[in-house]
Amino acid sequence: MKKTTDKKPAGIDFKHIAIAGNIGAGKTTLVTLLAKHYGWTPHFEEVENNPYIDDFYQDMQRWSFHMQIYYLNNRFQQILDIRAGEKSVIQDRTIYEDAHIFAPNLHDMSLMSTRDYEAYQNLYKTLQSLIAPPDLLIYLRASIPTLVTQIQKRGRSFEDSIRLDYLKKLNARYEEFIEGYDKANRLLVINVDDCNFEEDPAQLGDIINRIERERGGLF
């Protein structure tokens, strides 16, 4: 492994970097670590301040549409802010995951009505036509046991009621989404089961080196 430094190496300057992954995959942790290393501005997913999240996990069928609309608007506004600003930003979860993974999954599980789902998708298509994809997408791939361990470790009360079948369906959709991802040429896939980047500096260094190869700084 090549040694990494605190200095940002020369190469392509990414304006918008995004981390994708299932619930508990480690997105927030990696966003924090990479933001610190590169000096990127972190944009975190609204969790604690989300007015629908407690209700959603208690009654998904009733609150699914509200929840998805909230995230759709939140992430659309983030993208507008990123592109209008001058700083490089690393984003916790993408607008594409909401539309291609979470909303379809809720609809297929009969947790979102067809009427609401179609209204959501029509709105998404309008917003999606107005934005550009991230310059680099990093996907955190994790097995169900790893996700469950991570969810239990962080101890968010509203996540206690997450069903295993819900996580499994999301994982399957994530794999399908990544397999067909064509929004940009730069995609990194990290297997979280084999990479403890939170506690092992060497493994975080491997991720940084992979990013540098995408930026053209290690050739």
Protein backbone atom coordinates (compact mmCIF):
# COMPACT_ATOMS: atom_id res chain seq x y z
CA MET A 1 0.00 0.00 0.00
CA LYS A 2 1.28 3.45 -0.87
CA LYS A 3 1.63 5.86 2.00
CA THR A 4 -0.98 8.61 2.21
CA THR A 5 -0.37 12.09 3.53
CA ASP A 6 -2.50 14.89 4.87
CA LYS A 7 -1.67 16.98 1.83
CA LYS A 8 -4.18 16.75 -1.02
CA PRO A 9 -2.26 15.36 -4.03
CA ALA A 10 -2.50 16.83 -7.50
CA GLY A 11 -5.16 15.52 -9.83
CA ILE A 12 -8.76 16.06 -10.83
CA ASP A 13 -10.63 18.26 -8.38
CA PHE A 14 -13.94 16.59 -7.68
CA LYS A 15 -16.70 19.09 -6.90
CA HIS A 16 -19.33 16.56 -5.79
CA ILE A 17 -18.46 13.24 -4.14
CA ALA A 18 -21.24 10.99 -2.87
CA ILE A 19 -21.37 7.92 -0.64
CA ALA A 20 -24.08 5.35 -1.34
CA GLY A 21 -25.04 2.35 0.75
CA ASN A 22 -27.70 0.59 2.77
CA ILE A 23 -28.76 1.56 6.30
CA GLY A 24 -25.81 0.89 8.60
CA ALA A 25 -23.19 0.52 5.86
CA GLY A 26 -20.98 3.26 7.32
CA LYS A 27 -21.74 6.19 5.03
CA THR A 28 -21.66 8.87 7.72
CA THR A 29 -18.39 7.55 9.14
CA LEU A 30 -16.66 7.51 5.75
CA VAL A 31 -18.01 10.95 4.86
CA THR A 32 -16.53 12.29 8.11
CA LEU A 33 -13.13 10.66 7.57
CA LEU A 34 -12.77 11.70 3.93
CA ALA A 35 -13.98 15.22 4.63
CA LYS A 36 -11.28 15.56 7.26
CA HIS A 37 -8.56 14.13 5.03
CA TYR A 38 -9.34 16.17 1.91
CA GLY A 39 -10.86 19.28 3.45
CA TRP A 40 -14.14 18.57 1.68
CA THR A 41 -17.36 20.00 3.11
CA PRO A 42 -19.59 17.18 4.44
CA HIS A 43 -23.33 17.11 3.72
CA PHE A 44 -24.97 14.60 6.04
CA GLU A 45 -28.32 12.90 5.66
CA GLU A 46 -31.00 14.51 7.82
CA VAL A 47 -31.75 11.89 10.46
CA GLU A 48 -32.09 13.38 13.90
CA ASN A 49 -33.93 16.45 12.56
CA ASN A 50 -36.16 14.52 10.19
CA PRO A 51 -39.75 15.21 11.34
CA TYR A 52 -41.08 11.96 9.84
CA ILE A 53 -38.48 9.36 10.75
CA ASP A 54 -39.92 8.15 14.08
CA ASP A 55 -43.42 7.90 12.63
CA PHE A 56 -42.12 6.16 9.51
CA TYR A 57 -40.44 3.31 11.35
CA GLN A 58 -43.52 2.85 13.53
CA ASP A 59 -45.97 2.88 10.60
CA MET A 60 -44.24 2.68 7.22
CA GLN A 61 -47.42 2.39 5.20
CA ARG A 62 -48.89 5.61 6.54
CA TRP A 63 -45.74 7.73 6.41
CA SER A 64 -43.73 6.35 3.47
CA PHE A 65 -44.78 9.02 0.97
CA HIS A 66 -44.10 11.85 3.41
CA MET A 67 -40.71 10.37 4.25
CA GLN A 68 -39.63 10.01 0.61
CA ILE A 69 -40.81 13.48 -0.38
CA TYR A 70 -38.88 14.95 2.55
CA TYR A 71 -35.65 13.24 1.45
CA LEU A 72 -36.21 14.02 -2.22
CA ASN A 73 -36.50 17.73 -1.49
CA ASN A 74 -33.62 17.68 0.98
CA ARG A 75 -31.19 16.01 -1.40
CA PHE A 76 -32.28 18.09 -4.38
CA GLN A 77 -31.55 21.24 -2.39
CA GLN A 78 -28.17 19.83 -1.37
CA ILE A 79 -27.23 19.27 -5.01
CA LEU A 80 -28.26 22.81 -5.94
CA ASP A 81 -26.12 24.14 -3.08
CA ILE A 82 -23.15 21.99 -4.11
CA ARG A 83 -23.19 23.10 -7.72
CA ALA A 84 -23.73 26.76 -6.81
CA GLY A 85 -20.91 26.79 -4.26
CA GLU A 86 -17.16 26.89 -4.73
CA LYS A 87 -16.14 24.14 -2.30
CA SER A 88 -15.86 20.41 -2.90
CA VAL A 89 -18.63 18.59 -1.06
CA ILE A 90 -18.97 14.97 0.01
CA GLN A 91 -22.60 13.87 0.35
CA ASP A 92 -24.09 11.20 2.60
CA ARG A 93 -26.45 9.24 0.28
CA THR A 94 -27.69 10.31 -3.16
CA ILE A 95 -30.98 11.38 -4.68
CA TYR A 96 -30.76 8.33 -6.96
CA GLU A 97 -30.99 5.92 -4.05
CA ASP A 98 -34.30 7.39 -2.96
CA ALA A 99 -35.85 7.03 -6.40
CA HIS A 100 -34.30 3.72 -7.52
CA ILE A 101 -34.10 1.85 -4.22
CA PHE A 102 -36.15 3.14 -1.30
CA ALA A 103 -39.33 4.33 -3.02
CA PRO A 104 -39.65 1.27 -5.32
CA ASN A 105 -38.97 -1.02 -2.39
CA LEU A 106 -41.72 0.59 -0.32
CA HIS A 107 -44.12 0.29 -3.24
CA ASP A 108 -43.28 -3.37 -3.89
CA MET A 109 -43.78 -4.16 -0.19
CA SER A 110 -47.23 -2.48 -0.36
CA LEU A 111 -45.97 0.18 2.03
CA MET A 112 -46.58 2.96 -0.51
CA SER A 113 -49.70 3.16 -2.66
CA THR A 114 -49.42 3.11 -6.45
CA ARG A 115 -50.95 6.58 -6.59
CA ASP A 116 -48.34 8.01 -4.22
CA TYR A 117 -45.51 6.11 -5.90
CA GLU A 118 -46.39 7.42 -9.35
CA ALA A 119 -46.68 10.98 -8.00
CA TYR A 120 -43.28 10.60 -6.36
CA GLN A 121 -41.62 9.25 -9.50
CA ASN A 122 -43.09 12.00 -11.68
CA LEU A 123 -41.69 14.61 -9.32
CA TYR A 124 -38.31 12.85 -9.22
CA LYS A 125 -38.08 12.78 -13.03
CA THR A 126 -38.67 16.52 -13.14
CA LEU A 127 -36.02 17.23 -10.51
CA GLN A 128 -33.55 14.72 -11.95
CA SER A 129 -33.62 16.52 -15.30
CA LEU A 130 -32.30 19.64 -13.56
CA ILE A 131 -29.25 18.13 -11.84
CA ALA A 132 -25.92 16.52 -12.68
CA PRO A 133 -24.61 13.26 -11.17
CA PRO A 134 -21.77 13.25 -8.62
CA ASP A 135 -18.24 13.40 -10.00
CA LEU A 136 -17.41 10.32 -7.95
CA LEU A 137 -19.79 7.77 -6.41
CA ILE A 138 -18.51 5.48 -3.66
CA TYR A 139 -20.72 2.47 -2.92
CA LEU A 140 -20.39 0.69 0.43
CA ARG A 141 -21.36 -2.95 -0.05
CA ALA A 142 -22.28 -4.78 3.16
CA SER A 143 -23.91 -8.07 4.11
CA ILE A 144 -27.00 -8.20 6.32
CA PRO A 145 -25.05 -9.35 9.43
CA THR A 146 -22.68 -6.40 9.04
CA LEU A 147 -25.58 -3.98 8.62
CA VAL A 148 -27.37 -5.33 11.70
CA THR A 149 -24.20 -5.12 13.78
CA GLN A 150 -23.60 -1.54 12.72
CA ILE A 151 -27.22 -0.52 13.32
CA GLN A 152 -27.15 -2.02 16.82
CA LYS A 153 -23.78 -0.42 17.53
CA ARG A 154 -24.97 3.13 16.90
CA GLY A 155 -28.10 2.59 18.98
CA ARG A 156 -30.66 4.84 17.30
CA SER A 157 -33.99 4.12 18.95
CA PHE A 158 -36.05 4.65 15.81
CA GLU A 159 -34.05 1.93 14.03
CA ASP A 160 -34.94 -0.76 16.57
CA SER A 161 -38.03 -1.68 14.57
CA ILE A 162 -36.29 -2.09 11.19
CA ARG A 163 -37.27 -5.47 9.76
CA LEU A 164 -34.69 -7.89 8.36
CA ASP A 165 -36.74 -8.47 5.23
CA TYR A 166 -36.71 -4.71 4.66
CA LEU A 167 -32.89 -4.62 4.82
CA LYS A 168 -32.60 -7.67 2.56
CA LYS A 169 -34.83 -6.16 -0.10
CA LEU A 170 -32.89 -2.91 0.05
CA ASN A 171 -29.60 -4.78 -0.36
CA ALA A 172 -30.89 -6.57 -3.44
CA ARG A 173 -32.01 -3.28 -4.95
CA TYR A 174 -28.67 -1.66 -4.20
CA GLU A 175 -26.84 -4.39 -6.08
CA GLU A 176 -29.19 -4.00 -9.04
CA PHE A 177 -28.74 -0.22 -9.01
CA ILE A 178 -24.94 -0.38 -8.88
CA GLU A 179 -24.84 -3.02 -11.61
CA GLY A 180 -26.68 -0.66 -13.94
CA TYR A 181 -25.17 2.62 -12.74
CA ASP A 182 -24.29 4.77 -15.73
CA LYS A 183 -24.58 8.29 -14.34
CA ALA A 184 -20.83 8.84 -14.40
CA ASN A 185 -17.64 6.98 -15.23
CA ARG A 186 -16.19 7.16 -11.73
CA LEU A 187 -17.55 4.53 -9.35
CA LEU A 188 -15.74 2.89 -6.43
CA VAL A 189 -17.18 -0.19 -4.72
CA ILE A 190 -15.92 -0.94 -1.20
CA ASN A 191 -16.72 -4.22 0.55
CA VAL A 192 -17.43 -3.13 4.12
CA ASP A 193 -17.38 -6.73 5.40
CA ASP A 194 -13.64 -6.82 4.68
CA CYS A 195 -12.73 -3.18 5.34
CA ASN A 196 -12.83 -1.65 8.81
CA PHE A 197 -11.92 1.86 7.69
CA GLU A 198 -13.25 3.38 10.93
CA GLU A 199 -10.65 1.71 13.14
CA ASP A 200 -7.85 0.73 10.75
CA PRO A 201 -5.88 3.67 9.27
CA ALA A 202 -4.26 1.35 6.73
CA GLN A 203 -7.62 0.31 5.31
CA LEU A 204 -8.76 3.94 5.17
CA GLY A 205 -5.49 4.62 3.37
CA ASP A 206 -6.39 2.00 0.77
CA ILE A 207 -9.67 3.80 0.09
CA ILE A 208 -7.88 7.14 -0.22
CA ASN A 209 -5.39 5.61 -2.64
CA ARG A 210 -8.25 4.27 -4.76
CA ILE A 211 -9.79 7.77 -4.82
CA GLU A 212 -6.42 9.16 -5.88
CA ARG A 213 -6.27 6.73 -8.78
CA GLU A 214 -9.62 8.12 -9.91
CA ARG A 215 -8.29 11.66 -9.54
CA GLY A 216 -5.20 10.74 -11.55
CA GLY A 217 -2.85 11.62 -8.72
CA LEU A 218 -1.02 8.29 -8.37
CA PHE A 219 0.12 7.69 -11.92
